[in-house]
Amino acid sequence: MGLHNIPGCLLNSVKHDLSGPLELLFTCTLQTCFMPPEWRTATVIPLHKVGPSTHTVNYRPISLTRNICKAIERISMEMINSDIVNLLTLNPSQFGFVGGR
């Protein structure tokens, strides 16, 4: 579930109808550098990795954030990565946190 208990599959099915309003909302958010606190709130749940489930060290935290927040994070990340690639000459041996390497 995402924002206000709206499932991601529902948002995906109406993405073309919502693209205009979301573009305005995201543009305003990026220009003002303000993200509503509700978007930044996450639910943290434990996810079992390996080993006995009775040991707490065998779990890692997972933050469940809202779908709208995930979308704006992805857009922001793509903009930042694009700027880094276009403005900087990266060493060919640099591969950490660089897509496609």
C-alpha atoms as a PDB file:
ATOM      1  CA  MET A   1       0.000   0.000   0.000  1.00  0.00           C
ATOM      2  CA  GLY A   2       1.149   3.487  -0.702  1.00  0.00           C
ATOM      3  CA  LEU A   3      -0.049   6.981  -0.006  1.00  0.00           C
ATOM      4  CA  HIS A   4      -3.396   6.949   1.800  1.00  0.00           C
ATOM      5  CA  ASN A   5      -3.619   3.162   1.341  1.00  0.00           C
ATOM      6  CA  ILE A   6      -3.646   3.424  -2.453  1.00  0.00           C
ATOM      7  CA  PRO A   7      -1.950   0.342  -3.924  1.00  0.00           C
ATOM      8  CA  GLY A   8       0.900   0.861  -6.373  1.00  0.00           C
ATOM      9  CA  CYS A   9      -0.863  -1.206  -9.037  1.00  0.00           C
ATOM     10  CA  LEU A  10      -3.790   1.249  -8.980  1.00  0.00           C
ATOM     11  CA  LEU A  11      -1.456   4.225  -9.381  1.00  0.00           C
ATOM     12  CA  ASN A  12       0.275   2.402 -12.221  1.00  0.00           C
ATOM     13  CA  SER A  13      -3.026   1.790 -14.006  1.00  0.00           C
ATOM     14  CA  VAL A  14      -3.921   5.519 -13.956  1.00  0.00           C
ATOM     15  CA  LYS A  15      -0.392   6.859 -14.491  1.00  0.00           C
ATOM     16  CA  HIS A  16      -1.273   8.608 -17.759  1.00  0.00           C
ATOM     17  CA  ASP A  17      -4.171  10.440 -16.108  1.00  0.00           C
ATOM     18  CA  LEU A  18      -2.009  11.466 -13.155  1.00  0.00           C
ATOM     19  CA  SER A  19       1.145  12.383 -15.077  1.00  0.00           C
ATOM     20  CA  GLY A  20       0.190  16.068 -15.512  1.00  0.00           C
ATOM     21  CA  PRO A  21      -0.795  16.754 -11.889  1.00  0.00           C
ATOM     22  CA  LEU A  22       2.164  14.746 -10.574  1.00  0.00           C
ATOM     23  CA  GLU A  23       4.550  16.665 -12.829  1.00  0.00           C
ATOM     24  CA  LEU A  24       3.299  19.947 -11.355  1.00  0.00           C
ATOM     25  CA  LEU A  25       3.542  18.559  -7.843  1.00  0.00           C
ATOM     26  CA  PHE A  26       7.061  17.188  -8.345  1.00  0.00           C
ATOM     27  CA  THR A  27       8.255  20.391 -10.056  1.00  0.00           C
ATOM     28  CA  CYS A  28       6.956  22.468  -7.162  1.00  0.00           C
ATOM     29  CA  THR A  29       8.569  20.089  -4.668  1.00  0.00           C
ATOM     30  CA  LEU A  30      11.949  20.237  -6.400  1.00  0.00           C
ATOM     31  CA  GLN A  31      11.863  24.020  -6.901  1.00  0.00           C
ATOM     32  CA  THR A  32      10.933  24.778  -3.295  1.00  0.00           C
ATOM     33  CA  CYS A  33      13.129  22.028  -1.806  1.00  0.00           C
ATOM     34  CA  PHE A  34      10.196  21.070   0.396  1.00  0.00           C
ATOM     35  CA  MET A  35       8.842  17.572   0.743  1.00  0.00           C
ATOM     36  CA  PRO A  36       5.744  17.066   2.887  1.00  0.00           C
ATOM     37  CA  PRO A  37       6.538  15.242   6.135  1.00  0.00           C
ATOM     38  CA  GLU A  38       3.921  12.611   5.289  1.00  0.00           C
ATOM     39  CA  TRP A  39       5.984  11.588   2.253  1.00  0.00           C
ATOM     40  CA  ARG A  40       9.119  11.156   4.352  1.00  0.00           C
ATOM     41  CA  THR A  41       7.508   8.954   6.978  1.00  0.00           C
ATOM     42  CA  ALA A  42       8.392   5.297   6.610  1.00  0.00           C
ATOM     43  CA  THR A  43       7.297   2.104   8.278  1.00  0.00           C
ATOM     44  CA  VAL A  44      10.303   0.019   9.258  1.00  0.00           C
ATOM     45  CA  ILE A  45       9.861  -3.744   9.355  1.00  0.00           C
ATOM     46  CA  PRO A  46      12.367  -6.527  10.038  1.00  0.00           C
ATOM     47  CA  LEU A  47      13.251  -8.809   7.126  1.00  0.00           C
ATOM     48  CA  HIS A  48      14.782 -12.191   7.863  1.00  0.00           C
ATOM     49  CA  LYS A  49      18.109 -12.753   6.093  1.00  0.00           C
ATOM     50  CA  VAL A  50      19.545 -16.184   6.926  1.00  0.00           C
ATOM     51  CA  GLY A  51      19.972 -18.394   9.952  1.00  0.00           C
ATOM     52  CA  PRO A  52      17.643 -19.047  12.832  1.00  0.00           C
ATOM     53  CA  SER A  53      14.719 -16.659  13.002  1.00  0.00           C
ATOM     54  CA  THR A  54      15.078 -16.530  16.789  1.00  0.00           C
ATOM     55  CA  HIS A  55      18.273 -14.411  16.569  1.00  0.00           C
ATOM     56  CA  THR A  56      17.813 -10.689  15.992  1.00  0.00           C
ATOM     57  CA  VAL A  57      21.160 -10.435  14.133  1.00  0.00           C
ATOM     58  CA  ASN A  58      19.585 -12.460  11.313  1.00  0.00           C
ATOM     59  CA  TYR A  59      17.236  -9.608  10.409  1.00  0.00           C
ATOM     60  CA  ARG A  60      17.754  -6.384   8.536  1.00  0.00           C
ATOM     61  CA  PRO A  61      15.484  -3.348   8.566  1.00  0.00           C
ATOM     62  CA  ILE A  62      13.387  -2.487   5.532  1.00  0.00           C
ATOM     63  CA  SER A  63      11.826   0.970   5.206  1.00  0.00           C
ATOM     64  CA  LEU A  64       8.454   0.993   3.500  1.00  0.00           C
ATOM     65  CA  THR A  65       7.960   4.462   2.064  1.00  0.00           C
ATOM     66  CA  ARG A  66       5.067   5.944   0.150  1.00  0.00           C
ATOM     67  CA  ASN A  67       4.795   5.416  -3.598  1.00  0.00           C
ATOM     68  CA  ILE A  68       4.774   9.159  -4.328  1.00  0.00           C
ATOM     69  CA  CYS A  69       7.976   9.606  -2.317  1.00  0.00           C
ATOM     70  CA  LYS A  70       9.623   6.705  -4.149  1.00  0.00           C
ATOM     71  CA  ALA A  71       8.786   8.300  -7.479  1.00  0.00           C
ATOM     72  CA  ILE A  72      10.245  11.694  -6.599  1.00  0.00           C
ATOM     73  CA  GLU A  73      13.342  10.018  -5.104  1.00  0.00           C
ATOM     74  CA  ARG A  74      13.875   8.140  -8.360  1.00  0.00           C
ATOM     75  CA  ILE A  75      13.453  11.301 -10.436  1.00  0.00           C
ATOM     76  CA  SER A  76      15.883  13.188  -8.190  1.00  0.00           C
ATOM     77  CA  MET A  77      18.424  10.370  -8.326  1.00  0.00           C
ATOM     78  CA  GLU A  78      18.253  10.226 -12.127  1.00  0.00           C
ATOM     79  CA  MET A  79      18.748  14.016 -12.350  1.00  0.00           C
ATOM     80  CA  ILE A  80      21.751  13.922 -10.003  1.00  0.00           C
ATOM     81  CA  ASN A  81      23.320  10.929 -11.753  1.00  0.00           C
ATOM     82  CA  SER A  82      22.815  12.588 -15.127  1.00  0.00           C
ATOM     83  CA  ASP A  83      24.555  15.734 -13.904  1.00  0.00           C
ATOM     84  CA  ILE A  84      27.455  13.729 -12.482  1.00  0.00           C
ATOM     85  CA  VAL A  85      27.955  11.779 -15.686  1.00  0.00           C
ATOM     86  CA  ASN A  86      27.676  14.911 -17.868  1.00  0.00           C
ATOM     87  CA  LEU A  87      29.823  17.209 -15.731  1.00  0.00           C
ATOM     88  CA  LEU A  88      32.516  14.876 -14.451  1.00  0.00           C
ATOM     89  CA  THR A  89      34.886  12.516 -16.153  1.00  0.00           C
ATOM     90  CA  LEU A  90      34.708   9.379 -14.103  1.00  0.00           C
ATOM     91  CA  ASN A  91      37.658   7.059 -13.816  1.00  0.00           C
ATOM     92  CA  PRO A  92      36.944   3.850 -15.790  1.00  0.00           C
ATOM     93  CA  SER A  93      37.629   1.816 -12.640  1.00  0.00           C
ATOM     94  CA  GLN A  94      34.844   3.673 -10.809  1.00  0.00           C
ATOM     95  CA  PHE A  95      31.901   1.298 -10.732  1.00  0.00           C
ATOM     96  CA  GLY A  96      30.303   1.653  -7.305  1.00  0.00           C
ATOM     97  CA  PHE A  97      26.978   3.484  -7.415  1.00  0.00           C
ATOM     98  CA  VAL A  98      27.325   4.024 -11.161  1.00  0.00           C
ATOM     99  CA  GLY A  99      24.655   2.395 -13.284  1.00  0.00           C
ATOM    100  CA  GLY A 100      25.645   0.180 -16.199  1.00  0.00           C
ATOM    101  CA  ARG A 101      29.108  -0.705 -14.979  1.00  0.00           C
END
